[in-house]
Amino acid sequence: MKQMKEEMSKLTSTGSAGAGLVEITINGDFIVQKIDINPVMIDKNEKDTLEVLIQSAFNDATVKMKAIIEDATRRRLQAAGVPNIPPFGGR
């Protein structure tokens, strides 16, 4: 279990919003590793839009990371001989 947790923390996922105007990369512990903001968004008149895009990009990265972790967990369980693993989260 410890090894799996260490492996998961090394995973990364990048979410984007606004057609790539804002990108956020998180790790498997859901810690933000990098934020990339297109310079066109760095304008005091775009503050509200930028805040929404940052939130959306983070949420996008989180959804992607959950899917990555679910897939990795399912593969490990199947490799350990656990049959018929249902989708996590009721999907």
C-alpha atoms as a PDB file:
ATOM      1  CA  MET A   1       0.000   0.000   0.000  1.00  0.00           C
ATOM      2  CA  LYS A   2       2.858   2.383   0.827  1.00  0.00           C
ATOM      3  CA  GLN A   3       4.488   1.670  -2.534  1.00  0.00           C
ATOM      4  CA  MET A   4       1.193   2.345  -4.322  1.00  0.00           C
ATOM      5  CA  LYS A   5       0.774   5.663  -2.492  1.00  0.00           C
ATOM      6  CA  GLU A   6       4.313   6.677  -3.492  1.00  0.00           C
ATOM      7  CA  GLU A   7       3.625   5.751  -7.109  1.00  0.00           C
ATOM      8  CA  MET A   8       0.353   7.705  -7.120  1.00  0.00           C
ATOM      9  CA  SER A   9       2.033  10.828  -5.755  1.00  0.00           C
ATOM     10  CA  LYS A  10       4.379  10.784  -8.775  1.00  0.00           C
ATOM     11  CA  LEU A  11       1.496  10.911 -11.274  1.00  0.00           C
ATOM     12  CA  THR A  12       0.586  14.232 -12.867  1.00  0.00           C
ATOM     13  CA  SER A  13      -2.478  15.573 -14.609  1.00  0.00           C
ATOM     14  CA  THR A  14      -2.909  18.860 -16.456  1.00  0.00           C
ATOM     15  CA  GLY A  15      -6.277  20.543 -16.706  1.00  0.00           C
ATOM     16  CA  SER A  16      -7.062  23.473 -18.946  1.00  0.00           C
ATOM     17  CA  ALA A  17      -9.737  26.115 -19.339  1.00  0.00           C
ATOM     18  CA  GLY A  18     -10.538  28.843 -21.813  1.00  0.00           C
ATOM     19  CA  ALA A  19      -9.148  26.869 -24.758  1.00  0.00           C
ATOM     20  CA  GLY A  20      -5.766  26.647 -23.040  1.00  0.00           C
ATOM     21  CA  LEU A  21      -5.601  30.187 -21.665  1.00  0.00           C
ATOM     22  CA  VAL A  22      -5.088  28.688 -18.203  1.00  0.00           C
ATOM     23  CA  GLU A  23      -3.486  25.326 -17.447  1.00  0.00           C
ATOM     24  CA  ILE A  24      -2.925  23.746 -14.042  1.00  0.00           C
ATOM     25  CA  THR A  25      -0.835  20.650 -13.374  1.00  0.00           C
ATOM     26  CA  ILE A  26      -1.459  18.652 -10.196  1.00  0.00           C
ATOM     27  CA  ASN A  27       0.144  15.534  -8.779  1.00  0.00           C
ATOM     28  CA  GLY A  28      -1.492  12.377  -7.455  1.00  0.00           C
ATOM     29  CA  ASP A  29      -1.855  14.006  -4.046  1.00  0.00           C
ATOM     30  CA  PHE A  30      -3.932  16.756  -5.724  1.00  0.00           C
ATOM     31  CA  ILE A  31      -1.246  19.355  -5.019  1.00  0.00           C
ATOM     32  CA  VAL A  32      -0.812  22.073  -7.636  1.00  0.00           C
ATOM     33  CA  GLN A  33       2.582  21.666  -9.283  1.00  0.00           C
ATOM     34  CA  LYS A  34       2.340  24.342 -11.969  1.00  0.00           C
ATOM     35  CA  ILE A  35       0.030  27.095 -13.190  1.00  0.00           C
ATOM     36  CA  ASP A  36       0.454  28.387 -16.744  1.00  0.00           C
ATOM     37  CA  ILE A  37      -1.452  31.558 -17.651  1.00  0.00           C
ATOM     38  CA  ASN A  38      -1.446  32.947 -21.174  1.00  0.00           C
ATOM     39  CA  PRO A  39      -0.133  36.546 -20.980  1.00  0.00           C
ATOM     40  CA  VAL A  40      -3.272  37.828 -22.704  1.00  0.00           C
ATOM     41  CA  MET A  41      -5.138  37.050 -19.456  1.00  0.00           C
ATOM     42  CA  ILE A  42      -2.856  39.180 -17.282  1.00  0.00           C
ATOM     43  CA  ASP A  43      -4.921  42.319 -17.337  1.00  0.00           C
ATOM     44  CA  LYS A  44      -6.726  43.881 -14.397  1.00  0.00           C
ATOM     45  CA  ASN A  45      -9.877  44.036 -16.512  1.00  0.00           C
ATOM     46  CA  GLU A  46      -9.754  40.231 -16.895  1.00  0.00           C
ATOM     47  CA  LYS A  47      -9.460  39.443 -13.167  1.00  0.00           C
ATOM     48  CA  ASP A  48     -12.894  37.837 -12.819  1.00  0.00           C
ATOM     49  CA  THR A  49     -12.463  35.782 -15.982  1.00  0.00           C
ATOM     50  CA  LEU A  50      -9.003  34.650 -14.893  1.00  0.00           C
ATOM     51  CA  GLU A  51     -10.321  33.519 -11.505  1.00  0.00           C
ATOM     52  CA  VAL A  52     -13.039  31.438 -13.173  1.00  0.00           C
ATOM     53  CA  LEU A  53     -10.534  29.916 -15.610  1.00  0.00           C
ATOM     54  CA  ILE A  54      -8.142  28.980 -12.805  1.00  0.00           C
ATOM     55  CA  GLN A  55     -10.977  27.301 -10.926  1.00  0.00           C
ATOM     56  CA  SER A  56     -12.117  25.472 -14.070  1.00  0.00           C
ATOM     57  CA  ALA A  57      -8.598  24.318 -14.949  1.00  0.00           C
ATOM     58  CA  PHE A  58      -8.050  22.971 -11.434  1.00  0.00           C
ATOM     59  CA  ASN A  59     -11.354  21.122 -11.530  1.00  0.00           C
ATOM     60  CA  ASP A  60     -10.463  19.685 -14.952  1.00  0.00           C
ATOM     61  CA  ALA A  61      -7.093  18.452 -13.660  1.00  0.00           C
ATOM     62  CA  THR A  62      -8.791  16.915 -10.607  1.00  0.00           C
ATOM     63  CA  VAL A  63     -11.296  14.965 -12.697  1.00  0.00           C
ATOM     64  CA  LYS A  64      -8.475  13.686 -14.901  1.00  0.00           C
ATOM     65  CA  MET A  65      -6.339  12.693 -11.905  1.00  0.00           C
ATOM     66  CA  LYS A  66      -9.206  10.785 -10.307  1.00  0.00           C
ATOM     67  CA  ALA A  67      -9.584   8.802 -13.547  1.00  0.00           C
ATOM     68  CA  ILE A  68      -5.824   8.103 -13.664  1.00  0.00           C
ATOM     69  CA  ILE A  69      -5.828   6.885 -10.053  1.00  0.00           C
ATOM     70  CA  GLU A  70      -8.930   4.762 -10.626  1.00  0.00           C
ATOM     71  CA  ASP A  71      -7.348   3.114 -13.661  1.00  0.00           C
ATOM     72  CA  ALA A  72      -4.051   2.465 -11.862  1.00  0.00           C
ATOM     73  CA  THR A  73      -5.863   1.040  -8.837  1.00  0.00           C
ATOM     74  CA  ARG A  74      -8.036  -1.207 -10.988  1.00  0.00           C
ATOM     75  CA  ARG A  75      -4.978  -2.530 -12.850  1.00  0.00           C
ATOM     76  CA  ARG A  76      -3.173  -3.290  -9.577  1.00  0.00           C
ATOM     77  CA  LEU A  77      -6.178  -5.074  -8.131  1.00  0.00           C
ATOM     78  CA  GLN A  78      -6.630  -7.124 -11.294  1.00  0.00           C
ATOM     79  CA  ALA A  79      -2.940  -8.006 -11.265  1.00  0.00           C
ATOM     80  CA  ALA A  80      -3.392  -9.175  -7.666  1.00  0.00           C
ATOM     81  CA  GLY A  81      -6.165 -11.488  -8.816  1.00  0.00           C
ATOM     82  CA  VAL A  82      -9.236  -9.524  -7.722  1.00  0.00           C
ATOM     83  CA  PRO A  83     -11.886 -10.292 -10.373  1.00  0.00           C
ATOM     84  CA  ASN A  84     -14.753  -8.121 -11.657  1.00  0.00           C
ATOM     85  CA  ILE A  85     -13.850  -4.786 -10.112  1.00  0.00           C
ATOM     86  CA  PRO A  86     -16.804  -2.398 -10.448  1.00  0.00           C
ATOM     87  CA  PRO A  87     -16.201   1.245 -11.433  1.00  0.00           C
ATOM     88  CA  PHE A  88     -15.402   3.559  -8.542  1.00  0.00           C
ATOM     89  CA  GLY A  89     -17.690   6.436  -7.670  1.00  0.00           C
ATOM     90  CA  GLY A  90     -20.781   4.699  -9.023  1.00  0.00           C
ATOM     91  CA  ARG A  91     -19.865   5.190 -12.681  1.00  0.00           C
END
